[in-house]
PDB file of N, CA and C in Angstrom:
ATOM      1  N   UNK A   1      63.113  47.491 108.513  1.00  0.00           N
ATOM      2  CA  UNK A   1      62.095  46.570 109.039  1.00  0.00           C
ATOM      3  C   UNK A   1      60.884  47.138 109.333  1.00  0.00           C
ATOM      4  N   UNK A   2      61.087  48.202 110.130  1.00  0.00           N
ATOM      5  CA  UNK A   2      59.631  48.922 110.736  1.00  0.00           C
ATOM      6  C   UNK A   2      58.705  49.220 109.919  1.00  0.00           C
ATOM      7  N   UNK A   3      59.389  49.823 108.871  1.00  0.00           N
ATOM      8  CA  UNK A   3      58.338  50.479 107.200  1.00  0.00           C
ATOM      9  C   UNK A   3      57.458  49.396 107.236  1.00  0.00           C
ATOM     10  N   UNK A   4      58.211  47.845 107.048  1.00  0.00           N
ATOM     11  CA  UNK A   4      57.194  47.196 106.089  1.00  0.00           C
ATOM     12  C   UNK A   4      56.320  46.616 106.834  1.00  0.00           C
ATOM     13  N   UNK A   5      56.830  46.584 108.226  1.00  0.00           N
ATOM     14  CA  UNK A   5      55.543  45.517 108.954  1.00  0.00           C
ATOM     15  C   UNK A   5      54.329  47.141 108.977  1.00  0.00           C
ATOM     16  N   UNK A   6      54.963  48.492 109.368  1.00  0.00           N
ATOM     17  CA  UNK A   6      53.453  49.315 109.163  1.00  0.00           C
ATOM     18  C   UNK A   6      52.684  49.096 107.900  1.00  0.00           C
ATOM     19  N   UNK A   7      53.143  49.108 106.838  1.00  0.00           N
ATOM     20  CA  UNK A   7      52.716  48.716 105.623  1.00  0.00           C
ATOM     21  C   UNK A   7      51.927  47.751 105.363  1.00  0.00           C
ATOM     22  N   UNK A   8      52.133  46.502 105.960  1.00  0.00           N
ATOM     23  CA  UNK A   8      51.314  45.558 106.050  1.00  0.00           C
ATOM     24  C   UNK A   8      50.044  45.601 106.984  1.00  0.00           C
ATOM     25  N   UNK A   9      50.615  45.825 108.120  1.00  0.00           N
ATOM     26  CA  UNK A   9      49.446  46.302 109.069  1.00  0.00           C
ATOM     27  C   UNK A   9      48.333  47.449 108.433  1.00  0.00           C
ATOM     28  N   UNK A  10      48.621  48.383 107.576  1.00  0.00           N
ATOM     29  CA  UNK A  10      47.849  49.182 107.197  1.00  0.00           C
ATOM     30  C   UNK A  10      47.050  48.856 105.966  1.00  0.00           C
ATOM     31  N   UNK A  11      47.656  48.004 105.311  1.00  0.00           N
ATOM     32  CA  UNK A  11      46.524  47.494 104.313  1.00  0.00           C
ATOM     33  C   UNK A  11      45.888  45.636 104.458  1.00  0.00           C
ATOM     34  N   UNK A  12      46.169  45.343 105.749  1.00  0.00           N
ATOM     35  CA  UNK A  12      45.696  44.199 106.562  1.00  0.00           C
ATOM     36  C   UNK A  12      43.790  44.445 106.659  1.00  0.00           C
ATOM     37  N   UNK A  13      43.454  45.450 107.223  1.00  0.00           N
ATOM     38  CA  UNK A  13      42.086  45.667 107.439  1.00  0.00           C
ATOM     39  C   UNK A  13      41.035  45.999 106.174  1.00  0.00           C
ATOM     40  N   UNK A  14      42.143  46.614 105.110  1.00  0.00           N
ATOM     41  CA  UNK A  14      41.663  46.553 103.520  1.00  0.00           C
ATOM     42  C   UNK A  14      41.318  45.143 103.327  1.00  0.00           C
ATOM     43  N   UNK A  15      42.439  44.423 102.947  1.00  0.00           N
ATOM     44  CA  UNK A  15      42.068  42.936 102.693  1.00  0.00           C
ATOM     45  C   UNK A  15      40.798  42.240 103.556  1.00  0.00           C
ATOM     46  N   UNK A  16      40.778  42.419 104.572  1.00  0.00           N
ATOM     47  CA  UNK A  16      39.732  41.607 105.431  1.00  0.00           C
ATOM     48  C   UNK A  16      38.281  42.326 105.008  1.00  0.00           C
ATOM     49  N   UNK A  17      38.369  43.571 104.772  1.00  0.00           N
ATOM     50  CA  UNK A  17      37.253  44.191 104.605  1.00  0.00           C
ATOM     51  C   UNK A  17      36.536  43.579 103.103  1.00  0.00           C
ATOM     52  N   UNK A  18      37.549  43.443 102.406  1.00  0.00           N
ATOM     53  CA  UNK A  18      36.829  43.157 100.816  1.00  0.00           C
ATOM     54  C   UNK A  18      36.502  41.435 100.618  1.00  0.00           C
ATOM     55  N   UNK A  19      37.392  41.167 101.775  1.00  0.00           N
ATOM     56  CA  UNK A  19      36.883  39.138 101.939  1.00  0.00           C
ATOM     57  C   UNK A  19      35.516  38.992 102.593  1.00  0.00           C
ATOM     58  N   UNK A  20      35.281  39.923 103.615  1.00  0.00           N
ATOM     59  CA  UNK A  20      34.138  39.697 104.043  1.00  0.00           C
ATOM     60  C   UNK A  20      32.561  40.943 104.033  1.00  0.00           C
ATOM     61  N   UNK A  21      32.957  41.179 102.708  1.00  0.00           N
ATOM     62  CA  UNK A  21      32.060  41.849 102.103  1.00  0.00           C
ATOM     63  C   UNK A  21      30.906  41.355 101.850  1.00  0.00           C
ATOM     64  N   UNK A  22      29.456  41.737 102.100  1.00  0.00           N
ATOM     65  CA  UNK A  22      28.060  40.816 101.888  1.00  0.00           C
ATOM     66  C   UNK A  22      28.098  41.189 100.165  1.00  0.00           C
ATOM     67  N   UNK A  23      27.659  40.449  99.306  1.00  0.00           N
ATOM     68  CA  UNK A  23      27.406  40.688  98.226  1.00  0.00           C
ATOM     69  C   UNK A  23      26.207  41.964  98.037  1.00  0.00           C
ATOM     70  N   UNK A  24      26.004  41.854  97.171  1.00  0.00           N
ATOM     71  CA  UNK A  24      25.492  43.436  97.021  1.00  0.00           C
ATOM     72  C   UNK A  24      23.803  43.076  96.183  1.00  0.00           C
ATOM     73  N   UNK A  25      22.933  43.508  97.036  1.00  0.00           N
ATOM     74  CA  UNK A  25      21.340  43.346  96.425  1.00  0.00           C
ATOM     75  C   UNK A  25      21.213  43.926  95.226  1.00  0.00           C
ATOM     76  N   UNK A  26      20.931  43.093  94.366  1.00  0.00           N
ATOM     77  CA  UNK A  26      19.844  44.013  93.044  1.00  0.00           C
ATOM     78  C   UNK A  26      18.752  43.784  92.814  1.00  0.00           C
ATOM     79  N   UNK A  27      18.189  44.746  92.959  1.00  0.00           N
ATOM     80  CA  UNK A  27      16.294  44.922  92.845  1.00  0.00           C
ATOM     81  C   UNK A  27      15.870  44.565  91.484  1.00  0.00           C
ATOM     82  N   UNK A  28      16.563  45.204  90.330  1.00  0.00           N
ATOM     83  CA  UNK A  28      16.170  44.819  89.161  1.00  0.00           C
ATOM     84  C   UNK A  28      16.562  43.391  88.662  1.00  0.00           C
ATOM     85  N   UNK A  29      17.865  42.972  89.252  1.00  0.00           N
ATOM     86  CA  UNK A  29      17.926  41.500  88.851  1.00  0.00           C
ATOM     87  C   UNK A  29      16.827  40.372  89.209  1.00  0.00           C
ATOM     88  N   UNK A  30      16.161  41.031  90.403  1.00  0.00           N
ATOM     89  CA  UNK A  30      15.299  39.900  90.999  1.00  0.00           C
ATOM     90  C   UNK A  30      13.843  40.395  90.215  1.00  0.00           C
ATOM     91  N   UNK A  31      13.701  41.543  90.271  1.00  0.00           N
ATOM     92  CA  UNK A  31      12.415  41.731  89.601  1.00  0.00           C
ATOM     93  C   UNK A  31      12.814  40.964  87.832  1.00  0.00           C
ATOM     94  N   UNK A  32      13.671  41.380  87.046  1.00  0.00           N
ATOM     95  CA  UNK A  32      13.692  40.463  86.267  1.00  0.00           C
ATOM     96  C   UNK A  32      13.389  38.749  86.569  1.00  0.00           C
ATOM     97  N   UNK A  33      14.397  38.206  87.324  1.00  0.00           N
ATOM     98  CA  UNK A  33      13.790  36.490  87.410  1.00  0.00           C
ATOM     99  C   UNK A  33      12.890  36.113  87.848  1.00  0.00           C
ATOM    100  N   UNK A  34      12.142  37.268  88.493  1.00  0.00           N
ATOM    101  CA  UNK A  34      10.691  36.891  89.290  1.00  0.00           C
ATOM    102  C   UNK A  34       9.467  37.345  88.022  1.00  0.00           C
ATOM    103  N   UNK A  35       9.929  37.842  87.331  1.00  0.00           N
ATOM    104  CA  UNK A  35       8.971  37.982  85.766  1.00  0.00           C
ATOM    105  C   UNK A  35       9.035  36.800  84.907  1.00  0.00           C
ATOM    106  N   UNK A  36      10.716  36.038  85.104  1.00  0.00           N
ATOM    107  CA  UNK A  36      10.650  35.337  84.112  1.00  0.00           C
ATOM    108  C   UNK A  36      10.383  33.873  84.827  1.00  0.00           C
ATOM    109  N   UNK A  37      10.086  33.606  86.122  1.00  0.00           N
ATOM    110  CA  UNK A  37       9.328  32.741  86.682  1.00  0.00           C
ATOM    111  C   UNK A  37       8.248  32.525  86.807  1.00  0.00           C
ATOM    112  N   UNK A  38       7.421  33.663  86.715  1.00  0.00           N
ATOM    113  CA  UNK A  38       5.757  33.812  86.687  1.00  0.00           C
ATOM    114  C   UNK A  38       5.404  33.662  85.311  1.00  0.00           C
ATOM    115  N   UNK A  39       6.295  34.043  84.221  1.00  0.00           N
ATOM    116  CA  UNK A  39       5.762  33.824  83.073  1.00  0.00           C
ATOM    117  C   UNK A  39       6.303  32.442  82.768  1.00  0.00           C
ATOM    118  N   UNK A  40       7.279  31.530  82.933  1.00  0.00           N
ATOM    119  CA  UNK A  40       7.430  30.109  82.678  1.00  0.00           C
ATOM    120  C   UNK A  40       6.332  29.069  83.498  1.00  0.00           C
ATOM    121  N   UNK A  41       6.008  29.786  84.694  1.00  0.00           N
ATOM    122  CA  UNK A  41       4.637  29.063  85.642  1.00  0.00           C
ATOM    123  C   UNK A  41       3.535  29.111  84.488  1.00  0.00           C
ATOM    124  N   UNK A  42       3.202  30.051  83.730  1.00  0.00           N
ATOM    125  CA  UNK A  42       2.034  29.598  83.003  1.00  0.00           C
ATOM    126  C   UNK A  42       1.352  28.643  82.105  1.00  0.00           C
ATOM    127  N   UNK A  43       2.901  27.852  81.995  1.00  0.00           N
ATOM    128  CA  UNK A  43       3.251  26.626  81.026  1.00  0.00           C
ATOM    129  C   UNK A  43       2.505  25.613  81.813  1.00  0.00           C
ATOM    130  N   UNK A  44       1.470  24.421  81.481  1.00  0.00           N
ATOM    131  CA  UNK A  44       1.590  23.577  82.646  1.00  0.00           C
ATOM    132  C   UNK A  44       1.067  22.107  81.113  1.00  0.00           C
ATOM    133  N   UNK A  45       1.270  21.108  82.003  1.00  0.00           N
ATOM    134  CA  UNK A  45       0.560  19.923  81.255  1.00  0.00           C
ATOM    135  C   UNK A  45      -0.826  20.166  80.789  1.00  0.00           C
ATOM    136  N   UNK A  46      -1.008  19.894  79.969  1.00  0.00           N
ATOM    137  CA  UNK A  46      -2.353  19.569  79.141  1.00  0.00           C
ATOM    138  C   UNK A  46      -2.477  20.887  77.930  1.00  0.00           C
ATOM    139  N   UNK A  47      -1.332  21.531  78.475  1.00  0.00           N
ATOM    140  CA  UNK A  47      -1.246  22.712  77.327  1.00  0.00           C
ATOM    141  C   UNK A  47      -0.025  22.234  76.159  1.00  0.00           C
ATOM    142  N   UNK A  48       0.132  22.905  74.860  1.00  0.00           N
ATOM    143  CA  UNK A  48       0.622  22.280  73.668  1.00  0.00           C
ATOM    144  C   UNK A  48       1.733  22.865  73.412  1.00  0.00           C
ATOM    145  N   UNK A  49       2.723  22.071  72.651  1.00  0.00           N
ATOM    146  CA  UNK A  49       3.943  21.908  72.038  1.00  0.00           C
ATOM    147  C   UNK A  49       3.615  23.535  71.415  1.00  0.00           C
ATOM    148  N   UNK A  50       2.763  24.214  70.797  1.00  0.00           N
ATOM    149  CA  UNK A  50       2.467  25.584  70.322  1.00  0.00           C
ATOM    150  C   UNK A  50       2.411  26.824  71.241  1.00  0.00           C
ATOM    151  N   UNK A  51       1.994  25.958  72.444  1.00  0.00           N
ATOM    152  CA  UNK A  51       1.599  27.174  74.010  1.00  0.00           C
ATOM    153  C   UNK A  51       3.237  27.511  74.669  1.00  0.00           C
ATOM    154  N   UNK A  52       4.017  26.296  74.006  1.00  0.00           N
ATOM    155  CA  UNK A  52       5.225  26.140  74.893  1.00  0.00           C
ATOM    156  C   UNK A  52       6.384  27.066  73.813  1.00  0.00           C
ATOM    157  N   UNK A  53       6.474  26.964  72.671  1.00  0.00           N
ATOM    158  CA  UNK A  53       6.998  27.776  71.506  1.00  0.00           C
ATOM    159  C   UNK A  53       7.025  29.372  71.474  1.00  0.00           C
ATOM    160  N   UNK A  54       5.914  29.595  72.310  1.00  0.00           N
ATOM    161  CA  UNK A  54       6.071  31.148  72.494  1.00  0.00           C
ATOM    162  C   UNK A  54       6.874  31.660  73.517  1.00  0.00           C
ATOM    163  N   UNK A  55       7.077  30.657  74.202  1.00  0.00           N
ATOM    164  CA  UNK A  55       8.125  31.252  75.509  1.00  0.00           C
ATOM    165  C   UNK A  55       9.554  30.417  75.504  1.00  0.00           C
ATOM    166  N   UNK A  56       9.587  29.164  74.951  1.00  0.00           N
ATOM    167  CA  UNK A  56      10.635  28.565  74.535  1.00  0.00           C
ATOM    168  C   UNK A  56      11.108  28.202  73.787  1.00  0.00           C
ATOM    169  N   UNK A  57      12.616  27.521  73.219  1.00  0.00           N
ATOM    170  CA  UNK A  57      12.389  27.314  71.797  1.00  0.00           C
ATOM    171  C   UNK A  57      13.494  26.139  72.018  1.00  0.00           C
ATOM    172  N   UNK A  58      13.730  25.327  71.162  1.00  0.00           N
ATOM    173  CA  UNK A  58      14.697  24.030  71.126  1.00  0.00           C
ATOM    174  C   UNK A  58      16.102  24.301  71.376  1.00  0.00           C
ATOM    175  N   UNK A  59      16.847  23.705  72.334  1.00  0.00           N
ATOM    176  CA  UNK A  59      17.943  23.676  72.489  1.00  0.00           C
ATOM    177  C   UNK A  59      18.685  22.296  71.654  1.00  0.00           C
ATOM    178  N   UNK A  60      19.695  23.087  71.410  1.00  0.00           N
ATOM    179  CA  UNK A  60      20.757  21.804  70.477  1.00  0.00           C
ATOM    180  C   UNK A  60      20.913  20.572  71.406  1.00  0.00           C
ATOM    181  N   UNK A  61      21.358  19.554  70.846  1.00  0.00           N
ATOM    182  CA  UNK A  61      22.138  18.431  71.627  1.00  0.00           C
ATOM    183  C   UNK A  61      20.631  17.375  70.780  1.00  0.00           C
ATOM    184  N   UNK A  62      21.051  16.156  71.759  1.00  0.00           N
ATOM    185  CA  UNK A  62      19.738  14.914  71.287  1.00  0.00           C
ATOM    186  C   UNK A  62      18.601  15.509  71.822  1.00  0.00           C
ATOM    187  N   UNK A  63      17.918  15.093  70.675  1.00  0.00           N
ATOM    188  CA  UNK A  63      16.069  15.453  71.532  1.00  0.00           C
ATOM    189  C   UNK A  63      15.270  14.447  70.925  1.00  0.00           C
ATOM    190  N   UNK A  64      14.240  14.288  70.877  1.00  0.00           N
ATOM    191  CA  UNK A  64      13.243  13.325  70.137  1.00  0.00           C
ATOM    192  C   UNK A  64      11.691  13.983  70.570  1.00  0.00           C
ATOM    193  N   UNK A  65      10.788  13.552  69.913  1.00  0.00           N
ATOM    194  CA  UNK A  65       9.440  13.958  69.701  1.00  0.00           C
ATOM    195  C   UNK A  65       8.761  14.243  70.907  1.00  0.00           C
ATOM    196  N   UNK A  66       9.191  12.970  71.515  1.00  0.00           N
ATOM    197  CA  UNK A  66       8.490  12.401  73.092  1.00  0.00           C
ATOM    198  C   UNK A  66       9.288  13.236  74.269  1.00  0.00           C
ATOM    199  N   UNK A  67      10.440  13.912  74.234  1.00  0.00           N
ATOM    200  CA  UNK A  67      10.891  14.350  75.606  1.00  0.00           C
ATOM    201  C   UNK A  67      11.894  15.634  74.718  1.00  0.00           C
ATOM    202  N   UNK A  68      12.079  16.798  75.332  1.00  0.00           N
ATOM    203  CA  UNK A  68      13.014  17.643  74.504  1.00  0.00           C
ATOM    204  C   UNK A  68      13.246  18.967  75.797  1.00  0.00           C
ATOM    205  N   UNK A  69      14.706  19.147  75.606  1.00  0.00           N
ATOM    206  CA  UNK A  69      14.919  20.425  76.398  1.00  0.00           C
ATOM    207  C   UNK A  69      14.571  21.727  75.763  1.00  0.00           C
ATOM    208  N   UNK A  70      14.473  22.340  76.454  1.00  0.00           N
ATOM    209  CA  UNK A  70      13.903  23.630  75.759  1.00  0.00           C
ATOM    210  C   UNK A  70      14.479  25.373  76.582  1.00  0.00           C
ATOM    211  N   UNK A  71      15.123  26.159  76.104  1.00  0.00           N
ATOM    212  CA  UNK A  71      15.409  27.272  76.348  1.00  0.00           C
ATOM    213  C   UNK A  71      14.235  28.260  76.153  1.00  0.00           C
ATOM    214  N   UNK A  72      14.454  29.047  77.495  1.00  0.00           N
ATOM    215  CA  UNK A  72      13.280  30.326  77.654  1.00  0.00           C
ATOM    216  C   UNK A  72      14.303  31.302  76.322  1.00  0.00           C
ATOM    217  N   UNK A  73      12.917  31.893  75.706  1.00  0.00           N
ATOM    218  CA  UNK A  73      13.702  32.745  74.765  1.00  0.00           C
ATOM    219  C   UNK A  73      14.238  34.128  75.257  1.00  0.00           C
ATOM    220  N   UNK A  74      13.583  34.842  76.417  1.00  0.00           N
ATOM    221  CA  UNK A  74      14.572  35.526  77.070  1.00  0.00           C
ATOM    222  C   UNK A  74      16.082  35.627  77.470  1.00  0.00           C
ATOM    223  N   UNK A  75      16.074  34.334  77.688  1.00  0.00           N
ATOM    224  CA  UNK A  75      17.486  33.985  78.527  1.00  0.00           C
ATOM    225  C   UNK A  75      17.967  32.661  78.278  1.00  0.00           C
ATOM    226  N   UNK A  76      18.936  32.743  77.161  1.00  0.00           N
ATOM    227  CA  UNK A  76      19.218  30.781  77.127  1.00  0.00           C
ATOM    228  C   UNK A  76      19.745  30.411  78.313  1.00  0.00           C
ATOM    229  N   UNK A  77      20.215  30.367  79.347  1.00  0.00           N
ATOM    230  CA  UNK A  77      20.875  29.900  80.863  1.00  0.00           C
ATOM    231  C   UNK A  77      19.215  29.409  81.342  1.00  0.00           C
ATOM    232  N   UNK A  78      17.934  30.040  81.217  1.00  0.00           N
ATOM    233  CA  UNK A  78      17.063  29.624  81.726  1.00  0.00           C
ATOM    234  C   UNK A  78      16.570  28.149  81.004  1.00  0.00           C
ATOM    235  N   UNK A  79      16.338  26.949  81.287  1.00  0.00           N
ATOM    236  CA  UNK A  79      15.897  25.627  80.707  1.00  0.00           C
ATOM    237  C   UNK A  79      14.665  24.796  81.214  1.00  0.00           C
ATOM    238  N   UNK A  80      13.885  24.488  80.343  1.00  0.00           N
ATOM    239  CA  UNK A  80      13.321  23.320  81.179  1.00  0.00           C
ATOM    240  C   UNK A  80      13.062  22.053  80.522  1.00  0.00           C
ATOM    241  N   UNK A  81      12.757  20.976  81.043  1.00  0.00           N
ATOM    242  CA  UNK A  81      12.463  19.412  80.347  1.00  0.00           C
ATOM    243  C   UNK A  81      11.070  19.313  79.963  1.00  0.00           C
ATOM    244  N   UNK A  82      10.892  19.177  79.110  1.00  0.00           N
ATOM    245  CA  UNK A  82       9.364  18.880  78.555  1.00  0.00           C
ATOM    246  C   UNK A  82       9.284  17.294  78.114  1.00  0.00           C
ATOM    247  N   UNK A  83       7.671  16.722  78.522  1.00  0.00           N
ATOM    248  CA  UNK A  83       7.397  15.688  77.758  1.00  0.00           C
ATOM    249  C   UNK A  83       6.142  15.777  77.396  1.00  0.00           C
ATOM    250  N   UNK A  84       6.241  15.170  76.171  1.00  0.00           N
ATOM    251  CA  UNK A  84       4.774  15.143  75.308  1.00  0.00           C
ATOM    252  C   UNK A  84       3.938  13.944  74.827  1.00  0.00           C
ATOM    253  N   UNK A  85       2.868  14.198  75.043  1.00  0.00           N
ATOM    254  CA  UNK A  85       2.337  13.088  74.269  1.00  0.00           C
ATOM    255  C   UNK A  85       1.880  13.370  72.854  1.00  0.00           C
ATOM    256  N   UNK A  86       2.352  12.479  71.787  1.00  0.00           N
ATOM    257  CA  UNK A  86       2.424  12.709  70.129  1.00  0.00           C
ATOM    258  C   UNK A  86       0.966  12.609  69.642  1.00  0.00           C
ATOM    259  N   UNK A  87       0.814  13.725  69.314  1.00  0.00           N
ATOM    260  CA  UNK A  87      -0.783  13.725  68.362  1.00  0.00           C
ATOM    261  C   UNK A  87      -0.438  14.108  66.907  1.00  0.00           C
ATOM    262  N   UNK A  88      -0.941  13.231  66.498  1.00  0.00           N
ATOM    263  CA  UNK A  88      -1.228  13.237  64.884  1.00  0.00           C
ATOM    264  C   UNK A  88       0.075  13.109  63.937  1.00  0.00           C
ATOM    265  N   UNK A  89       0.603  13.345  63.024  1.00  0.00           N
ATOM    266  CA  UNK A  89       2.039  13.076  62.669  1.00  0.00           C
ATOM    267  C   UNK A  89       2.813  14.403  62.522  1.00  0.00           C
ATOM    268  N   UNK A  90       4.177  13.689  62.742  1.00  0.00           N
ATOM    269  CA  UNK A  90       5.200  14.872  63.127  1.00  0.00           C
ATOM    270  C   UNK A  90       5.483  15.642  61.703  1.00  0.00           C
ATOM    271  N   UNK A  91       5.342  16.969  62.518  1.00  0.00           N
ATOM    272  CA  UNK A  91       5.904  18.255  60.959  1.00  0.00           C
ATOM    273  C   UNK A  91       7.027  18.531  61.007  1.00  0.00           C
ATOM    274  N   UNK A  92       7.880  18.609  59.978  1.00  0.00           N
ATOM    275  CA  UNK A  92       9.019  19.006  59.126  1.00  0.00           C
ATOM    276  C   UNK A  92       9.767  17.812  60.021  1.00  0.00           C
ATOM    277  N   UNK A  93      10.554  18.234  60.898  1.00  0.00           N
ATOM    278  CA  UNK A  93      11.789  17.354  61.416  1.00  0.00           C
ATOM    279  C   UNK A  93      11.270  16.823  62.519  1.00  0.00           C
ATOM    280  N   UNK A  94      11.136  15.308  62.847  1.00  0.00           N
ATOM    281  CA  UNK A  94      10.420  14.449  63.592  1.00  0.00           C
ATOM    282  C   UNK A  94      10.597  14.818  65.019  1.00  0.00           C
ATOM    283  N   UNK A  95      11.761  15.428  65.690  1.00  0.00           N
ATOM    284  CA  UNK A  95      12.029  15.989  66.747  1.00  0.00           C
ATOM    285  C   UNK A  95      11.156  17.114  67.372  1.00  0.00           C
ATOM    286  N   UNK A  96      10.766  17.846  66.334  1.00  0.00           N
ATOM    287  CA  UNK A  96       9.877  18.947  66.405  1.00  0.00           C
ATOM    288  C   UNK A  96       8.631  18.965  66.697  1.00  0.00           C
ATOM    289  N   UNK A  97       8.053  17.474  66.184  1.00  0.00           N
ATOM    290  CA  UNK A  97       6.815  16.941  66.578  1.00  0.00           C
ATOM    291  C   UNK A  97       6.217  17.947  66.001  1.00  0.00           C
ATOM    292  N   UNK A  98       4.241  17.805  66.793  1.00  0.00           N
ATOM    293  CA  UNK A  98       3.132  18.638  65.955  1.00  0.00           C
ATOM    294  C   UNK A  98       3.246  19.667  67.030  1.00  0.00           C
ATOM    295  N   UNK A  99       2.660  20.441  66.513  1.00  0.00           N
ATOM    296  CA  UNK A  99       2.357  22.196  67.368  1.00  0.00           C
ATOM    297  C   UNK A  99       1.141  21.483  68.023  1.00  0.00           C
ATOM    298  N   UNK A 100       0.482  20.317  67.839  1.00  0.00           N
ATOM    299  CA  UNK A 100      -0.770  20.030  69.307  1.00  0.00           C
ATOM    300  C   UNK A 100      -0.252  18.995  69.862  1.00  0.00           C
ATOM    301  N   UNK A 101       0.819  18.434  69.544  1.00  0.00           N
ATOM    302  CA  UNK A 101       1.378  17.261  70.744  1.00  0.00           C
ATOM    303  C   UNK A 101       1.191  18.080  72.032  1.00  0.00           C
ATOM    304  N   UNK A 102       0.948  17.089  73.148  1.00  0.00           N
ATOM    305  CA  UNK A 102       0.094  17.710  74.334  1.00  0.00           C
ATOM    306  C   UNK A 102       1.206  17.508  75.754  1.00  0.00           C
ATOM    307  N   UNK A 103       1.508  18.644  76.584  1.00  0.00           N
ATOM    308  CA  UNK A 103       2.487  18.541  77.302  1.00  0.00           C
ATOM    309  C   UNK A 103       2.313  17.492  78.574  1.00  0.00           C
ATOM    310  N   UNK A 104       2.869  16.803  78.679  1.00  0.00           N
ATOM    311  CA  UNK A 104       2.369  15.501  79.775  1.00  0.00           C
ATOM    312  C   UNK A 104       3.088  15.826  81.347  1.00  0.00           C
ATOM    313  N   UNK A 105       4.614  16.720  81.149  1.00  0.00           N
ATOM    314  CA  UNK A 105       4.892  17.119  82.143  1.00  0.00           C
ATOM    315  C   UNK A 105       6.282  18.054  82.177  1.00  0.00           C
ATOM    316  N   UNK A 106       6.469  19.124  82.757  1.00  0.00           N
ATOM    317  CA  UNK A 106       6.966  20.388  82.277  1.00  0.00           C
ATOM    318  C   UNK A 106       8.331  20.338  83.910  1.00  0.00           C
ATOM    319  N   UNK A 107       9.545  20.351  83.796  1.00  0.00           N
ATOM    320  CA  UNK A 107      10.153  20.401  85.109  1.00  0.00           C
ATOM    321  C   UNK A 107      10.241  21.685  85.140  1.00  0.00           C
ATOM    322  N   UNK A 108      10.834  22.079  86.542  1.00  0.00           N
ATOM    323  CA  UNK A 108      10.898  23.419  87.313  1.00  0.00           C
ATOM    324  C   UNK A 108      12.185  24.010  86.239  1.00  0.00           C
ATOM    325  N   UNK A 109      11.993  25.120  86.269  1.00  0.00           N
ATOM    326  CA  UNK A 109      12.707  25.861  85.433  1.00  0.00           C
ATOM    327  C   UNK A 109      14.147  25.811  86.271  1.00  0.00           C
ATOM    328  N   UNK A 110      15.603  25.629  85.470  1.00  0.00           N
ATOM    329  CA  UNK A 110      16.903  25.428  85.883  1.00  0.00           C
ATOM    330  C   UNK A 110      17.761  26.465  85.145  1.00  0.00           C
ATOM    331  N   UNK A 111      18.908  26.613  85.680  1.00  0.00           N
ATOM    332  CA  UNK A 111      20.315  27.416  85.203  1.00  0.00           C
ATOM    333  C   UNK A 111      20.557  26.266  84.674  1.00  0.00           C
ATOM    334  N   UNK A 112      21.490  26.440  83.531  1.00  0.00           N
ATOM    335  CA  UNK A 112      22.499  25.544  82.601  1.00  0.00           C
ATOM    336  C   UNK A 112      23.122  26.296  81.761  1.00  0.00           C
ATOM    337  N   UNK A 113      24.186  26.280  81.355  1.00  0.00           N
ATOM    338  CA  UNK A 113      25.065  26.613  79.937  1.00  0.00           C
ATOM    339  C   UNK A 113      24.674  26.181  78.909  1.00  0.00           C
ATOM    340  N   UNK A 114      24.503  26.852  77.740  1.00  0.00           N
ATOM    341  CA  UNK A 114      23.553  26.350  76.579  1.00  0.00           C
ATOM    342  C   UNK A 114      24.842  25.002  75.966  1.00  0.00           C
ATOM    343  N   UNK A 115      24.183  23.894  75.497  1.00  0.00           N
ATOM    344  CA  UNK A 115      24.744  23.414  74.494  1.00  0.00           C
ATOM    345  C   UNK A 115      25.062  23.296  72.823  1.00  0.00           C
ATOM    346  N   UNK A 116      26.696  23.620  72.603  1.00  0.00           N
ATOM    347  CA  UNK A 116      26.361  24.202  70.793  1.00  0.00           C
ATOM    348  C   UNK A 116      26.597  22.512  70.353  1.00  0.00           C
ATOM    349  N   UNK A 117      25.908  22.331  69.425  1.00  0.00           N
ATOM    350  CA  UNK A 117      26.120  21.250  68.156  1.00  0.00           C
ATOM    351  C   UNK A 117      27.320  21.545  67.361  1.00  0.00           C
TER     352      UNK A 117
END
């Protein structure tokens, strides 16, 4: 009986240490996320769909010409929601709109898993 208690008491501090361990700071991760935020913030209302598509791509799911979900080209987990003012006729597929469509609003970037069609 005594050896079991000693064994339990020996491993108890290790289990507490693992549970209370603080998260490990990753400077490289912070640098990459910061660079993404800075780059994403260059897209503003008044710019065109063509400007947006330099950094973003269309996400799957239901879309329209006036409002779309876009994924950041460097990470499919970073997304923005964008509204447009239509300019001229649509090209190719209707929801893809026209490269000259004007951005009227863009959401803050957010994280979300990708949708699969």
